[in-house]
């Protein structure tokens, strides 16, 4: 069977702006993408384009290259990258804190639901 070529959907600038605003406050990007009916990577592409971090504009190590210089990335590009990295790090720290808390709650439930210490519901291997 041959695959039908899917037509790429075009999204309005207003839709993209709204999606990016919601992305800033979203707890779960995957859920947001599902709700919007788009792929998660597309949200990140729009975010990069809005912040001037598009693939075509990036030079060495992701910094925006200065077209008037042979010395590599310019200072403003590096500042933008540092800002973006700090924001990404803060977001990841927030995610780690969330998952640590969730893991603690799961561990507490398991510990508290341990019952009265009776025999296990399954037998040991080899018996």
PDB file of N, CA and C in Angstrom:
ATOM      1  N   UNK A   1       0.831  -1.190   0.000  1.00  0.00           N
ATOM      2  CA  UNK A   1       0.000   0.000   0.000  1.00  0.00           C
ATOM      3  C   UNK A   1       0.869   1.245   0.000  1.00  0.00           C
ATOM      4  N   UNK A   2       0.457   2.221  -0.722  1.00  0.00           N
ATOM      5  CA  UNK A   2       1.223   3.464  -0.749  1.00  0.00           C
ATOM      6  C   UNK A   2       0.631   4.455   0.248  1.00  0.00           C
ATOM      7  N   UNK A   3       1.515   5.234   0.796  1.00  0.00           N
ATOM      8  CA  UNK A   3       1.085   6.259   1.750  1.00  0.00           C
ATOM      9  C   UNK A   3       0.552   7.461   0.999  1.00  0.00           C
ATOM     10  N   UNK A   4      -0.558   7.964   1.461  1.00  0.00           N
ATOM     11  CA  UNK A   4      -1.078   9.194   0.877  1.00  0.00           C
ATOM     12  C   UNK A   4      -0.273  10.355   1.424  1.00  0.00           C
ATOM     13  N   UNK A   5       0.039  11.264   0.561  1.00  0.00           N
ATOM     14  CA  UNK A   5       0.784  12.440   0.989  1.00  0.00           C
ATOM     15  C   UNK A   5      -0.168  13.364   1.737  1.00  0.00           C
ATOM     16  N   UNK A   6       0.186  13.646   2.991  1.00  0.00           N
ATOM     17  CA  UNK A   6      -0.663  14.525   3.782  1.00  0.00           C
ATOM     18  C   UNK A   6      -0.309  15.976   3.492  1.00  0.00           C
ATOM     19  N   UNK A   7      -1.330  16.781   3.391  1.00  0.00           N
ATOM     20  CA  UNK A   7      -1.142  18.202   3.164  1.00  0.00           C
ATOM     21  C   UNK A   7      -0.733  18.853   4.481  1.00  0.00           C
ATOM     22  N   UNK A   8       0.309  19.665   4.442  1.00  0.00           N
ATOM     23  CA  UNK A   8       0.747  20.375   5.645  1.00  0.00           C
ATOM     24  C   UNK A   8      -0.266  21.443   5.983  1.00  0.00           C
ATOM     25  N   UNK A   9      -0.652  21.445   7.244  1.00  0.00           N
ATOM     26  CA  UNK A   9      -1.614  22.443   7.703  1.00  0.00           C
ATOM     27  C   UNK A   9      -0.936  23.774   7.928  1.00  0.00           C
ATOM     28  N   UNK A  10      -1.627  24.817   7.590  1.00  0.00           N
ATOM     29  CA  UNK A  10      -1.143  26.172   7.837  1.00  0.00           C
ATOM     30  C   UNK A  10      -1.890  26.720   9.044  1.00  0.00           C
ATOM     31  N   UNK A  11      -1.161  27.296   9.971  1.00  0.00           N
ATOM     32  CA  UNK A  11      -1.759  27.862  11.172  1.00  0.00           C
ATOM     33  C   UNK A  11      -1.604  29.380  11.133  1.00  0.00           C
ATOM     34  N   UNK A  12      -2.633  30.062  11.575  1.00  0.00           N
ATOM     35  CA  UNK A  12      -2.592  31.528  11.577  1.00  0.00           C
ATOM     36  C   UNK A  12      -1.608  32.025  12.630  1.00  0.00           C
ATOM     37  N   UNK A  13      -1.141  33.242  12.429  1.00  0.00           N
ATOM     38  CA  UNK A  13      -0.241  33.856  13.411  1.00  0.00           C
ATOM     39  C   UNK A  13      -0.933  33.995  14.761  1.00  0.00           C
ATOM     40  N   UNK A  14      -2.226  34.294  14.735  1.00  0.00           N
ATOM     41  CA  UNK A  14      -2.982  34.437  15.988  1.00  0.00           C
ATOM     42  C   UNK A  14      -3.020  33.107  16.743  1.00  0.00           C
ATOM     43  N   UNK A  15      -3.223  32.013  16.013  1.00  0.00           N
ATOM     44  CA  UNK A  15      -3.248  30.687  16.641  1.00  0.00           C
ATOM     45  C   UNK A  15      -1.890  30.373  17.265  1.00  0.00           C
ATOM     46  N   UNK A  16      -0.826  30.682  16.527  1.00  0.00           N
ATOM     47  CA  UNK A  16       0.527  30.427  17.035  1.00  0.00           C
ATOM     48  C   UNK A  16       0.809  31.248  18.289  1.00  0.00           C
ATOM     49  N   UNK A  17       0.439  32.532  18.259  1.00  0.00           N
ATOM     50  CA  UNK A  17       0.656  33.394  19.434  1.00  0.00           C
ATOM     51  C   UNK A  17      -0.094  32.863  20.646  1.00  0.00           C
ATOM     52  N   UNK A  18      -1.351  32.475  20.438  1.00  0.00           N
ATOM     53  CA  UNK A  18      -2.164  31.941  21.538  1.00  0.00           C
ATOM     54  C   UNK A  18      -1.541  30.650  22.082  1.00  0.00           C
ATOM     55  N   UNK A  19      -1.088  29.787  21.178  1.00  0.00           N
ATOM     56  CA  UNK A  19      -0.456  28.533  21.602  1.00  0.00           C
ATOM     57  C   UNK A  19       0.802  28.811  22.421  1.00  0.00           C
ATOM     58  N   UNK A  20       1.600  29.780  21.997  1.00  0.00           N
ATOM     59  CA  UNK A  20       2.830  30.115  22.721  1.00  0.00           C
ATOM     60  C   UNK A  20       2.532  30.734  24.082  1.00  0.00           C
ATOM     61  N   UNK A  21       1.480  31.544  24.170  1.00  0.00           N
ATOM     62  CA  UNK A  21       1.094  32.115  25.462  1.00  0.00           C
ATOM     63  C   UNK A  21       0.661  31.007  26.419  1.00  0.00           C
ATOM     64  N   UNK A  22      -0.114  30.067  25.901  1.00  0.00           N
ATOM     65  CA  UNK A  22      -0.558  28.948  26.743  1.00  0.00           C
ATOM     66  C   UNK A  22       0.612  28.054  27.121  1.00  0.00           C
ATOM     67  N   UNK A  23       1.590  27.945  26.244  1.00  0.00           N
ATOM     68  CA  UNK A  23       2.774  27.125  26.508  1.00  0.00           C
ATOM     69  C   UNK A  23       3.557  27.677  27.695  1.00  0.00           C
ATOM     70  N   UNK A  24       3.586  29.007  27.827  1.00  0.00           N
ATOM     71  CA  UNK A  24       4.333  29.639  28.919  1.00  0.00           C
ATOM     72  C   UNK A  24       3.786  29.260  30.285  1.00  0.00           C
ATOM     73  N   UNK A  25       2.487  29.026  30.373  1.00  0.00           N
ATOM     74  CA  UNK A  25       1.878  28.732  31.673  1.00  0.00           C
ATOM     75  C   UNK A  25       1.460  27.269  31.822  1.00  0.00           C
ATOM     76  N   UNK A  26       1.657  26.485  30.778  1.00  0.00           N
ATOM     77  CA  UNK A  26       1.221  25.084  30.813  1.00  0.00           C
ATOM     78  C   UNK A  26       2.104  24.250  31.733  1.00  0.00           C
ATOM     79  N   UNK A  27       1.463  23.357  32.472  1.00  0.00           N
ATOM     80  CA  UNK A  27       2.195  22.408  33.306  1.00  0.00           C
ATOM     81  C   UNK A  27       2.662  21.216  32.485  1.00  0.00           C
ATOM     82  N   UNK A  28       1.909  20.888  31.435  1.00  0.00           N
ATOM     83  CA  UNK A  28       2.217  19.713  30.637  1.00  0.00           C
ATOM     84  C   UNK A  28       2.115  20.074  29.156  1.00  0.00           C
ATOM     85  N   UNK A  29       3.251  20.162  28.504  1.00  0.00           N
ATOM     86  CA  UNK A  29       3.300  20.569  27.093  1.00  0.00           C
ATOM     87  C   UNK A  29       2.669  19.507  26.193  1.00  0.00           C
ATOM     88  N   UNK A  30       2.842  18.239  26.546  1.00  0.00           N
ATOM     89  CA  UNK A  30       2.261  17.154  25.746  1.00  0.00           C
ATOM     90  C   UNK A  30       0.737  17.283  25.729  1.00  0.00           C
ATOM     91  N   UNK A  31       0.149  17.528  26.899  1.00  0.00           N
ATOM     92  CA  UNK A  31      -1.304  17.694  26.983  1.00  0.00           C
ATOM     93  C   UNK A  31      -1.761  18.919  26.191  1.00  0.00           C
ATOM     94  N   UNK A  32      -1.016  19.995  26.287  1.00  0.00           N
ATOM     95  CA  UNK A  32      -1.355  21.202  25.536  1.00  0.00           C
ATOM     96  C   UNK A  32      -1.342  20.910  24.035  1.00  0.00           C
ATOM     97  N   UNK A  33      -0.313  20.232  23.574  1.00  0.00           N
ATOM     98  CA  UNK A  33      -0.213  19.900  22.151  1.00  0.00           C
ATOM     99  C   UNK A  33      -1.399  19.044  21.709  1.00  0.00           C
ATOM    100  N   UNK A  34      -1.760  18.057  22.528  1.00  0.00           N
ATOM    101  CA  UNK A  34      -2.921  17.212  22.203  1.00  0.00           C
ATOM    102  C   UNK A  34      -4.192  18.054  22.117  1.00  0.00           C
ATOM    103  N   UNK A  35      -4.359  18.934  23.087  1.00  0.00           N
ATOM    104  CA  UNK A  35      -5.548  19.783  23.130  1.00  0.00           C
ATOM    105  C   UNK A  35      -5.635  20.668  21.886  1.00  0.00           C
ATOM    106  N   UNK A  36      -4.487  21.161  21.436  1.00  0.00           N
ATOM    107  CA  UNK A  36      -4.457  22.025  20.255  1.00  0.00           C
ATOM    108  C   UNK A  36      -4.500  21.232  18.951  1.00  0.00           C
ATOM    109  N   UNK A  37      -4.289  19.921  19.043  1.00  0.00           N
ATOM    110  CA  UNK A  37      -4.304  19.082  17.849  1.00  0.00           C
ATOM    111  C   UNK A  37      -3.050  19.204  17.007  1.00  0.00           C
ATOM    112  N   UNK A  38      -1.927  19.478  17.663  1.00  0.00           N
ATOM    113  CA  UNK A  38      -0.651  19.609  16.953  1.00  0.00           C
ATOM    114  C   UNK A  38       0.410  18.790  17.668  1.00  0.00           C
ATOM    115  N   UNK A  39       1.540  18.598  17.025  1.00  0.00           N
ATOM    116  CA  UNK A  39       2.644  17.872  17.632  1.00  0.00           C
ATOM    117  C   UNK A  39       3.437  18.756  18.583  1.00  0.00           C
ATOM    118  N   UNK A  40       3.960  18.154  19.629  1.00  0.00           N
ATOM    119  CA  UNK A  40       4.766  18.883  20.612  1.00  0.00           C
ATOM    120  C   UNK A  40       5.971  19.560  19.963  1.00  0.00           C
ATOM    121  N   UNK A  41       6.683  18.872  19.050  1.00  0.00           N
ATOM    122  CA  UNK A  41       7.846  19.535  18.427  1.00  0.00           C
ATOM    123  C   UNK A  41       7.477  20.819  17.677  1.00  0.00           C
ATOM    124  N   UNK A  42       6.264  20.858  17.135  1.00  0.00           N
ATOM    125  CA  UNK A  42       5.839  22.056  16.411  1.00  0.00           C
ATOM    126  C   UNK A  42       5.739  23.250  17.357  1.00  0.00           C
ATOM    127  N   UNK A  43       5.266  23.013  18.573  1.00  0.00           N
ATOM    128  CA  UNK A  43       5.214  24.098  19.566  1.00  0.00           C
ATOM    129  C   UNK A  43       6.608  24.649  19.824  1.00  0.00           C
ATOM    130  N   UNK A  44       7.580  23.756  19.972  1.00  0.00           N
ATOM    131  CA  UNK A  44       8.949  24.203  20.233  1.00  0.00           C
ATOM    132  C   UNK A  44       9.548  24.916  19.017  1.00  0.00           C
ATOM    133  N   UNK A  45       9.166  24.496  17.813  1.00  0.00           N
ATOM    134  CA  UNK A  45       9.632  25.197  16.608  1.00  0.00           C
ATOM    135  C   UNK A  45       9.074  26.615  16.570  1.00  0.00           C
ATOM    136  N   UNK A  46       7.801  26.749  16.901  1.00  0.00           N
ATOM    137  CA  UNK A  46       7.193  28.082  16.924  1.00  0.00           C
ATOM    138  C   UNK A  46       7.846  28.947  17.988  1.00  0.00           C
ATOM    139  N   UNK A  47       8.128  28.346  19.136  1.00  0.00           N
ATOM    140  CA  UNK A  47       8.777  29.091  20.220  1.00  0.00           C
ATOM    141  C   UNK A  47      10.157  29.580  19.776  1.00  0.00           C
ATOM    142  N   UNK A  48      10.912  28.701  19.135  1.00  0.00           N
ATOM    143  CA  UNK A  48      12.252  29.066  18.665  1.00  0.00           C
ATOM    144  C   UNK A  48      12.171  30.171  17.615  1.00  0.00           C
ATOM    145  N   UNK A  49      11.224  30.061  16.708  1.00  0.00           N
ATOM    146  CA  UNK A  49      11.074  31.076  15.665  1.00  0.00           C
ATOM    147  C   UNK A  49      10.672  32.423  16.268  1.00  0.00           C
ATOM    148  N   UNK A  50       9.787  32.392  17.253  1.00  0.00           N
ATOM    149  CA  UNK A  50       9.336  33.633  17.889  1.00  0.00           C
ATOM    150  C   UNK A  50      10.464  34.316  18.651  1.00  0.00           C
ATOM    151  N   UNK A  51      11.377  33.530  19.171  1.00  0.00           N
ATOM    152  CA  UNK A  51      12.496  34.081  19.936  1.00  0.00           C
ATOM    153  C   UNK A  51      13.737  34.297  19.076  1.00  0.00           C
ATOM    154  N   UNK A  52      13.597  34.093  17.772  1.00  0.00           N
ATOM    155  CA  UNK A  52      14.727  34.307  16.875  1.00  0.00           C
ATOM    156  C   UNK A  52      15.773  33.221  16.956  1.00  0.00           C
ATOM    157  N   UNK A  53      15.356  32.033  17.381  1.00  0.00           N
ATOM    158  CA  UNK A  53      16.306  30.925  17.495  1.00  0.00           C
ATOM    159  C   UNK A  53      16.079  29.895  16.399  1.00  0.00           C
ATOM    160  N   UNK A  54      15.541  30.307  15.277  1.00  0.00           N
ATOM    161  CA  UNK A  54      15.281  29.369  14.193  1.00  0.00           C
ATOM    162  C   UNK A  54      16.554  28.701  13.716  1.00  0.00           C
ATOM    163  N   UNK A  55      16.434  27.510  13.164  1.00  0.00           N
ATOM    164  CA  UNK A  55      17.601  26.726  12.731  1.00  0.00           C
ATOM    165  C   UNK A  55      18.476  27.463  11.722  1.00  0.00           C
ATOM    166  N   UNK A  56      17.864  28.163  10.800  1.00  0.00           N
ATOM    167  CA  UNK A  56      18.635  28.832   9.756  1.00  0.00           C
ATOM    168  C   UNK A  56      19.469  29.982  10.296  1.00  0.00           C
ATOM    169  N   UNK A  57      19.037  30.562  11.404  1.00  0.00           N
ATOM    170  CA  UNK A  57      19.735  31.721  11.946  1.00  0.00           C
ATOM    171  C   UNK A  57      20.845  31.338  12.910  1.00  0.00           C
ATOM    172  N   UNK A  58      20.906  30.085  13.302  1.00  0.00           N
ATOM    173  CA  UNK A  58      21.859  29.695  14.325  1.00  0.00           C
ATOM    174  C   UNK A  58      23.213  29.348  13.736  1.00  0.00           C
ATOM    175  N   UNK A  59      24.227  29.720  14.469  1.00  0.00           N
ATOM    176  CA  UNK A  59      25.584  29.387  14.092  1.00  0.00           C
ATOM    177  C   UNK A  59      26.124  28.319  15.019  1.00  0.00           C
ATOM    178  N   UNK A  60      27.390  28.407  15.299  1.00  0.00           N
ATOM    179  CA  UNK A  60      28.076  27.448  16.151  1.00  0.00           C
ATOM    180  C   UNK A  60      27.443  27.379  17.543  1.00  0.00           C
ATOM    181  N   UNK A  61      27.191  26.187  18.015  1.00  0.00           N
ATOM    182  CA  UNK A  61      26.631  25.920  19.351  1.00  0.00           C
ATOM    183  C   UNK A  61      25.299  26.610  19.590  1.00  0.00           C
ATOM    184  N   UNK A  62      24.537  26.840  18.553  1.00  0.00           N
ATOM    185  CA  UNK A  62      23.205  27.387  18.716  1.00  0.00           C
ATOM    186  C   UNK A  62      23.134  28.889  18.871  1.00  0.00           C
ATOM    187  N   UNK A  63      24.254  29.574  18.972  1.00  0.00           N
ATOM    188  CA  UNK A  63      24.229  31.029  19.120  1.00  0.00           C
ATOM    189  C   UNK A  63      24.036  31.667  17.751  1.00  0.00           C
ATOM    190  N   UNK A  64      23.412  32.805  17.731  1.00  0.00           N
ATOM    191  CA  UNK A  64      23.181  33.504  16.478  1.00  0.00           C
ATOM    192  C   UNK A  64      24.498  34.098  16.003  1.00  0.00           C
ATOM    193  N   UNK A  65      24.858  33.804  14.771  1.00  0.00           N
ATOM    194  CA  UNK A  65      26.138  34.266  14.239  1.00  0.00           C
ATOM    195  C   UNK A  65      26.045  35.715  13.775  1.00  0.00           C
ATOM    196  N   UNK A  66      27.117  36.445  13.961  1.00  0.00           N
ATOM    197  CA  UNK A  66      27.208  37.830  13.507  1.00  0.00           C
ATOM    198  C   UNK A  66      27.679  37.807  12.057  1.00  0.00           C
ATOM    199  N   UNK A  67      26.857  38.263  11.115  1.00  0.00           N
ATOM    200  CA  UNK A  67      27.252  38.197   9.710  1.00  0.00           C
ATOM    201  C   UNK A  67      28.417  39.125   9.366  1.00  0.00           C
ATOM    202  N   UNK A  68      28.704  40.125  10.201  1.00  0.00           N
ATOM    203  CA  UNK A  68      29.780  41.080   9.928  1.00  0.00           C
ATOM    204  C   UNK A  68      31.099  40.687  10.571  1.00  0.00           C
ATOM    205  N   UNK A  69      31.161  39.530  11.154  1.00  0.00           N
ATOM    206  CA  UNK A  69      32.362  39.149  11.887  1.00  0.00           C
ATOM    207  C   UNK A  69      32.756  37.719  11.562  1.00  0.00           C
ATOM    208  N   UNK A  70      34.064  37.483  11.538  1.00  0.00           N
ATOM    209  CA  UNK A  70      34.569  36.129  11.347  1.00  0.00           C
ATOM    210  C   UNK A  70      34.880  35.475  12.684  1.00  0.00           C
ATOM    211  N   UNK A  71      34.635  36.190  13.766  1.00  0.00           N
ATOM    212  CA  UNK A  71      35.032  35.701  15.086  1.00  0.00           C
ATOM    213  C   UNK A  71      34.030  34.743  15.711  1.00  0.00           C
ATOM    214  N   UNK A  72      32.926  34.459  15.056  1.00  0.00           N
ATOM    215  CA  UNK A  72      31.964  33.509  15.612  1.00  0.00           C
ATOM    216  C   UNK A  72      30.709  34.205  16.108  1.00  0.00           C
ATOM    217  N   UNK A  73      30.036  33.605  17.099  1.00  0.00           N
ATOM    218  CA  UNK A  73      28.767  34.139  17.584  1.00  0.00           C
ATOM    219  C   UNK A  73      28.919  35.536  18.178  1.00  0.00           C
ATOM    220  N   UNK A  74      27.909  36.366  17.987  1.00  0.00           N
ATOM    221  CA  UNK A  74      27.976  37.713  18.544  1.00  0.00           C
ATOM    222  C   UNK A  74      27.495  37.719  19.990  1.00  0.00           C
ATOM    223  N   UNK A  75      27.773  38.805  20.665  1.00  0.00           N
ATOM    224  CA  UNK A  75      27.456  38.914  22.092  1.00  0.00           C
ATOM    225  C   UNK A  75      25.953  38.852  22.340  1.00  0.00           C
ATOM    226  N   UNK A  76      25.177  39.533  21.510  1.00  0.00           N
ATOM    227  CA  UNK A  76      23.721  39.536  21.696  1.00  0.00           C
ATOM    228  C   UNK A  76      23.149  38.127  21.511  1.00  0.00           C
ATOM    229  N   UNK A  77      23.661  37.416  20.522  1.00  0.00           N
ATOM    230  CA  UNK A  77      23.211  36.040  20.304  1.00  0.00           C
ATOM    231  C   UNK A  77      23.512  35.157  21.498  1.00  0.00           C
ATOM    232  N   UNK A  78      24.696  35.355  22.067  1.00  0.00           N
ATOM    233  CA  UNK A  78      25.068  34.569  23.247  1.00  0.00           C
ATOM    234  C   UNK A  78      24.193  34.935  24.443  1.00  0.00           C
ATOM    235  N   UNK A  79      23.883  36.213  24.589  1.00  0.00           N
ATOM    236  CA  UNK A  79      22.999  36.635  25.689  1.00  0.00           C
ATOM    237  C   UNK A  79      21.614  35.999  25.546  1.00  0.00           C
ATOM    238  N   UNK A  80      21.116  35.984  24.321  1.00  0.00           N
ATOM    239  CA  UNK A  80      19.812  35.367  24.073  1.00  0.00           C
ATOM    240  C   UNK A  80      19.853  33.880  24.405  1.00  0.00           C
ATOM    241  N   UNK A  81      20.931  33.231  24.015  1.00  0.00           N
ATOM    242  CA  UNK A  81      21.053  31.805  24.297  1.00  0.00           C
ATOM    243  C   UNK A  81      21.124  31.551  25.800  1.00  0.00           C
ATOM    244  N   UNK A  82      21.880  32.372  26.523  1.00  0.00           N
ATOM    245  CA  UNK A  82      21.983  32.225  27.981  1.00  0.00           C
ATOM    246  C   UNK A  82      20.608  32.412  28.617  1.00  0.00           C
ATOM    247  N   UNK A  83      19.877  33.423  28.169  1.00  0.00           N
ATOM    248  CA  UNK A  83      18.531  33.664  28.700  1.00  0.00           C
ATOM    249  C   UNK A  83      17.637  32.459  28.446  1.00  0.00           C
ATOM    250  N   UNK A  84      17.681  31.945  27.230  1.00  0.00           N
ATOM    251  CA  UNK A  84      16.861  30.785  26.886  1.00  0.00           C
ATOM    252  C   UNK A  84      17.262  29.580  27.727  1.00  0.00           C
ATOM    253  N   UNK A  85      18.556  29.358  27.892  1.00  0.00           N
ATOM    254  CA  UNK A  85      19.022  28.219  28.681  1.00  0.00           C
ATOM    255  C   UNK A  85      18.607  28.349  30.145  1.00  0.00           C
ATOM    256  N   UNK A  86      18.671  29.551  30.681  1.00  0.00           N
ATOM    257  CA  UNK A  86      18.235  29.764  32.073  1.00  0.00           C
ATOM    258  C   UNK A  86      16.748  29.457  32.228  1.00  0.00           C
ATOM    259  N   UNK A  87      15.951  29.912  31.271  1.00  0.00           N
ATOM    260  CA  UNK A  87      14.514  29.635  31.321  1.00  0.00           C
ATOM    261  C   UNK A  87      14.243  28.141  31.199  1.00  0.00           C
ATOM    262  N   UNK A  88      14.963  27.481  30.303  1.00  0.00           N
ATOM    263  CA  UNK A  88      14.788  26.037  30.133  1.00  0.00           C
ATOM    264  C   UNK A  88      15.196  25.296  31.398  1.00  0.00           C
ATOM    265  N   UNK A  89      16.288  25.727  32.014  1.00  0.00           N
ATOM    266  CA  UNK A  89      16.738  25.097  33.258  1.00  0.00           C
ATOM    267  C   UNK A  89      15.704  25.285  34.360  1.00  0.00           C
ATOM    268  N   UNK A  90      15.160  26.486  34.481  1.00  0.00           N
ATOM    269  CA  UNK A  90      14.144  26.746  35.507  1.00  0.00           C
ATOM    270  C   UNK A  90      12.922  25.857  35.291  1.00  0.00           C
ATOM    271  N   UNK A  91      12.554  25.685  34.034  1.00  0.00           N
ATOM    272  CA  UNK A  91      11.403  24.833  33.719  1.00  0.00           C
ATOM    273  C   UNK A  91      11.692  23.379  34.099  1.00  0.00           C
ATOM    274  N   UNK A  92      12.892  22.912  33.809  1.00  0.00           N
ATOM    275  CA  UNK A  92      13.262  21.530  34.145  1.00  0.00           C
ATOM    276  C   UNK A  92      13.338  21.333  35.655  1.00  0.00           C
ATOM    277  N   UNK A  93      13.844  22.320  36.369  1.00  0.00           N
ATOM    278  CA  UNK A  93      13.901  22.228  37.834  1.00  0.00           C
ATOM    279  C   UNK A  93      12.486  22.113  38.388  1.00  0.00           C
ATOM    280  N   UNK A  94      11.572  22.893  37.825  1.00  0.00           N
ATOM    281  CA  UNK A  94      10.171  22.841  38.248  1.00  0.00           C
ATOM    282  C   UNK A  94       9.590  21.445  37.986  1.00  0.00           C
ATOM    283  N   UNK A  95       9.896  20.874  36.828  1.00  0.00           N
ATOM    284  CA  UNK A  95       9.416  19.532  36.501  1.00  0.00           C
ATOM    285  C   UNK A  95       9.986  18.497  37.460  1.00  0.00           C
ATOM    286  N   UNK A  96      11.276  18.598  37.761  1.00  0.00           N
ATOM    287  CA  UNK A  96      11.915  17.653  38.686  1.00  0.00           C
ATOM    288  C   UNK A  96      11.267  17.748  40.058  1.00  0.00           C
ATOM    289  N   UNK A  97      11.035  18.966  40.534  1.00  0.00           N
ATOM    290  CA  UNK A  97      10.381  19.147  41.832  1.00  0.00           C
ATOM    291  C   UNK A  97       8.998  18.503  41.839  1.00  0.00           C
ATOM    292  N   UNK A  98       8.260  18.685  40.750  1.00  0.00           N
ATOM    293  CA  UNK A  98       6.930  18.088  40.650  1.00  0.00           C
ATOM    294  C   UNK A  98       7.019  16.567  40.737  1.00  0.00           C
ATOM    295  N   UNK A  99       7.922  15.971  39.960  1.00  0.00           N
ATOM    296  CA  UNK A  99       8.024  14.512  39.947  1.00  0.00           C
ATOM    297  C   UNK A  99       8.565  13.959  41.261  1.00  0.00           C
ATOM    298  N   UNK A 100       9.440  14.689  41.920  1.00  0.00           N
ATOM    299  CA  UNK A 100       9.914  14.256  43.241  1.00  0.00           C
ATOM    300  C   UNK A 100       8.747  14.188  44.218  1.00  0.00           C
ATOM    301  N   UNK A 101       7.918  15.228  44.211  1.00  0.00           N
ATOM    302  CA  UNK A 101       6.750  15.253  45.090  1.00  0.00           C
ATOM    303  C   UNK A 101       5.791  14.121  44.778  1.00  0.00           C
ATOM    304  N   UNK A 102       5.558  13.885  43.493  1.00  0.00           N
ATOM    305  CA  UNK A 102       4.659  12.801  43.090  1.00  0.00           C
ATOM    306  C   UNK A 102       5.222  11.452  43.525  1.00  0.00           C
ATOM    307  N   UNK A 103       6.517  11.265  43.364  1.00  0.00           N
ATOM    308  CA  UNK A 103       7.155  10.010  43.763  1.00  0.00           C
ATOM    309  C   UNK A 103       7.057   9.806  45.269  1.00  0.00           C
ATOM    310  N   UNK A 104       7.225  10.870  46.036  1.00  0.00           N
ATOM    311  CA  UNK A 104       7.092  10.764  47.490  1.00  0.00           C
ATOM    312  C   UNK A 104       5.673  10.368  47.877  1.00  0.00           C
ATOM    313  N   UNK A 105       4.684  10.953  47.212  1.00  0.00           N
ATOM    314  CA  UNK A 105       3.291  10.604  47.525  1.00  0.00           C
ATOM    315  C   UNK A 105       3.004   9.147  47.191  1.00  0.00           C
ATOM    316  N   UNK A 106       3.522   8.662  46.074  1.00  0.00           N
ATOM    317  CA  UNK A 106       3.328   7.259  45.702  1.00  0.00           C
ATOM    318  C   UNK A 106       3.998   6.353  46.726  1.00  0.00           C
ATOM    319  N   UNK A 107       5.208   6.696  47.131  1.00  0.00           N
ATOM    320  CA  UNK A 107       5.932   5.885  48.116  1.00  0.00           C
ATOM    321  C   UNK A 107       5.185   5.863  49.446  1.00  0.00           C
ATOM    322  N   UNK A 108       4.637   7.005  49.858  1.00  0.00           N
ATOM    323  CA  UNK A 108       3.876   7.065  51.110  1.00  0.00           C
ATOM    324  C   UNK A 108       2.629   6.201  51.034  1.00  0.00           C
ATOM    325  N   UNK A 109       1.935   6.235  49.908  1.00  0.00           N
ATOM    326  CA  UNK A 109       0.735   5.405  49.747  1.00  0.00           C
ATOM    327  C   UNK A 109       1.089   3.928  49.825  1.00  0.00           C
ATOM    328  N   UNK A 110       2.170   3.552  49.167  1.00  0.00           N
ATOM    329  CA  UNK A 110       2.592   2.146  49.213  1.00  0.00           C
ATOM    330  C   UNK A 110       2.941   1.741  50.633  1.00  0.00           C
ATOM    331  N   UNK A 111       3.633   2.616  51.322  1.00  0.00           N
ATOM    332  CA  UNK A 111       4.037   2.324  52.696  1.00  0.00           C
ATOM    333  C   UNK A 111       2.811   2.217  53.605  1.00  0.00           C
ATOM    334  N   UNK A 112       1.881   3.146  53.452  1.00  0.00           N
ATOM    335  CA  UNK A 112       0.681   3.169  54.295  1.00  0.00           C
ATOM    336  C   UNK A 112      -0.295   2.057  53.962  1.00  0.00           C
ATOM    337  N   UNK A 113      -0.307   1.588  52.734  1.00  0.00           N
ATOM    338  CA  UNK A 113      -1.242   0.528  52.356  1.00  0.00           C
ATOM    339  C   UNK A 113      -0.600  -0.846  52.486  1.00  0.00           C
ATOM    340  N   UNK A 114       0.470  -0.915  53.225  1.00  0.00           N
ATOM    341  CA  UNK A 114       1.169  -2.189  53.412  1.00  0.00           C
ATOM    342  C   UNK A 114       0.339  -3.217  54.154  1.00  0.00           C
ATOM    343  N   UNK A 115      -0.769  -2.827  54.696  1.00  0.00           N
ATOM    344  CA  UNK A 115      -1.641  -3.773  55.380  1.00  0.00           C
ATOM    345  C   UNK A 115      -1.123  -4.098  56.763  1.00  0.00           C
ATOM    346  N   UNK A 116      -1.501  -5.283  57.244  1.00  0.00           N
ATOM    347  CA  UNK A 116      -1.161  -5.670  58.605  1.00  0.00           C
ATOM    348  C   UNK A 116       0.095  -6.526  58.687  1.00  0.00           C
ATOM    349  N   UNK A 117       0.799  -6.640  57.620  1.00  0.00           N
ATOM    350  CA  UNK A 117       2.026  -7.435  57.640  1.00  0.00           C
ATOM    351  C   UNK A 117       1.774  -8.915  57.439  1.00  0.00           C
ATOM    352  N   UNK A 118       0.602  -9.274  56.938  1.00  0.00           N
ATOM    353  CA  UNK A 118       0.265 -10.676  56.708  1.00  0.00           C
ATOM    354  C   UNK A 118       1.061 -11.248  55.548  1.00  0.00           C
ATOM    355  N   UNK A 119       0.745 -12.470  55.169  1.00  0.00           N
ATOM    356  CA  UNK A 119       1.473 -13.134  54.095  1.00  0.00           C
ATOM    357  C   UNK A 119       1.173 -12.479  52.754  1.00  0.00           C
ATOM    358  N   UNK A 120       2.112 -12.578  51.874  1.00  0.00           N
ATOM    359  CA  UNK A 120       1.976 -11.996  50.546  1.00  0.00           C
ATOM    360  C   UNK A 120       0.933 -12.757  49.751  1.00  0.00           C
ATOM    361  N   UNK A 121       0.337 -12.101  48.766  1.00  0.00           N
ATOM    362  CA  UNK A 121      -0.705 -12.737  47.969  1.00  0.00           C
ATOM    363  C   UNK A 121      -0.133 -13.695  46.934  1.00  0.00           C
ATOM    364  N   UNK A 122       1.153 -13.660  46.711  1.00  0.00           N
ATOM    365  CA  UNK A 122       1.789 -14.588  45.782  1.00  0.00           C
ATOM    366  C   UNK A 122       2.837 -15.396  46.523  1.00  0.00           C
ATOM    367  N   UNK A 123       3.123 -16.556  45.987  1.00  0.00           N
ATOM    368  CA  UNK A 123       4.125 -17.406  46.630  1.00  0.00           C
ATOM    369  C   UNK A 123       5.492 -17.085  46.089  1.00  0.00           C
ATOM    370  N   UNK A 124       6.501 -17.448  46.848  1.00  0.00           N
ATOM    371  CA  UNK A 124       7.868 -17.207  46.418  1.00  0.00           C
ATOM    372  C   UNK A 124       8.222 -18.143  45.274  1.00  0.00           C
ATOM    373  N   UNK A 125       9.163 -17.724  44.474  1.00  0.00           N
ATOM    374  CA  UNK A 125       9.616 -18.515  43.346  1.00  0.00           C
ATOM    375  C   UNK A 125      10.200 -19.831  43.830  1.00  0.00           C
ATOM    376  N   UNK A 126       9.863 -20.927  43.152  1.00  0.00           N
ATOM    377  CA  UNK A 126      10.429 -22.235  43.491  1.00  0.00           C
ATOM    378  C   UNK A 126       9.618 -22.984  44.532  1.00  0.00           C
ATOM    379  N   UNK A 127       8.507 -22.477  44.982  1.00  0.00           N
ATOM    380  CA  UNK A 127       7.706 -23.180  45.993  1.00  0.00           C
ATOM    381  C   UNK A 127       6.453 -23.741  45.407  1.00  0.00           C
TER     382      UNK A 127
END
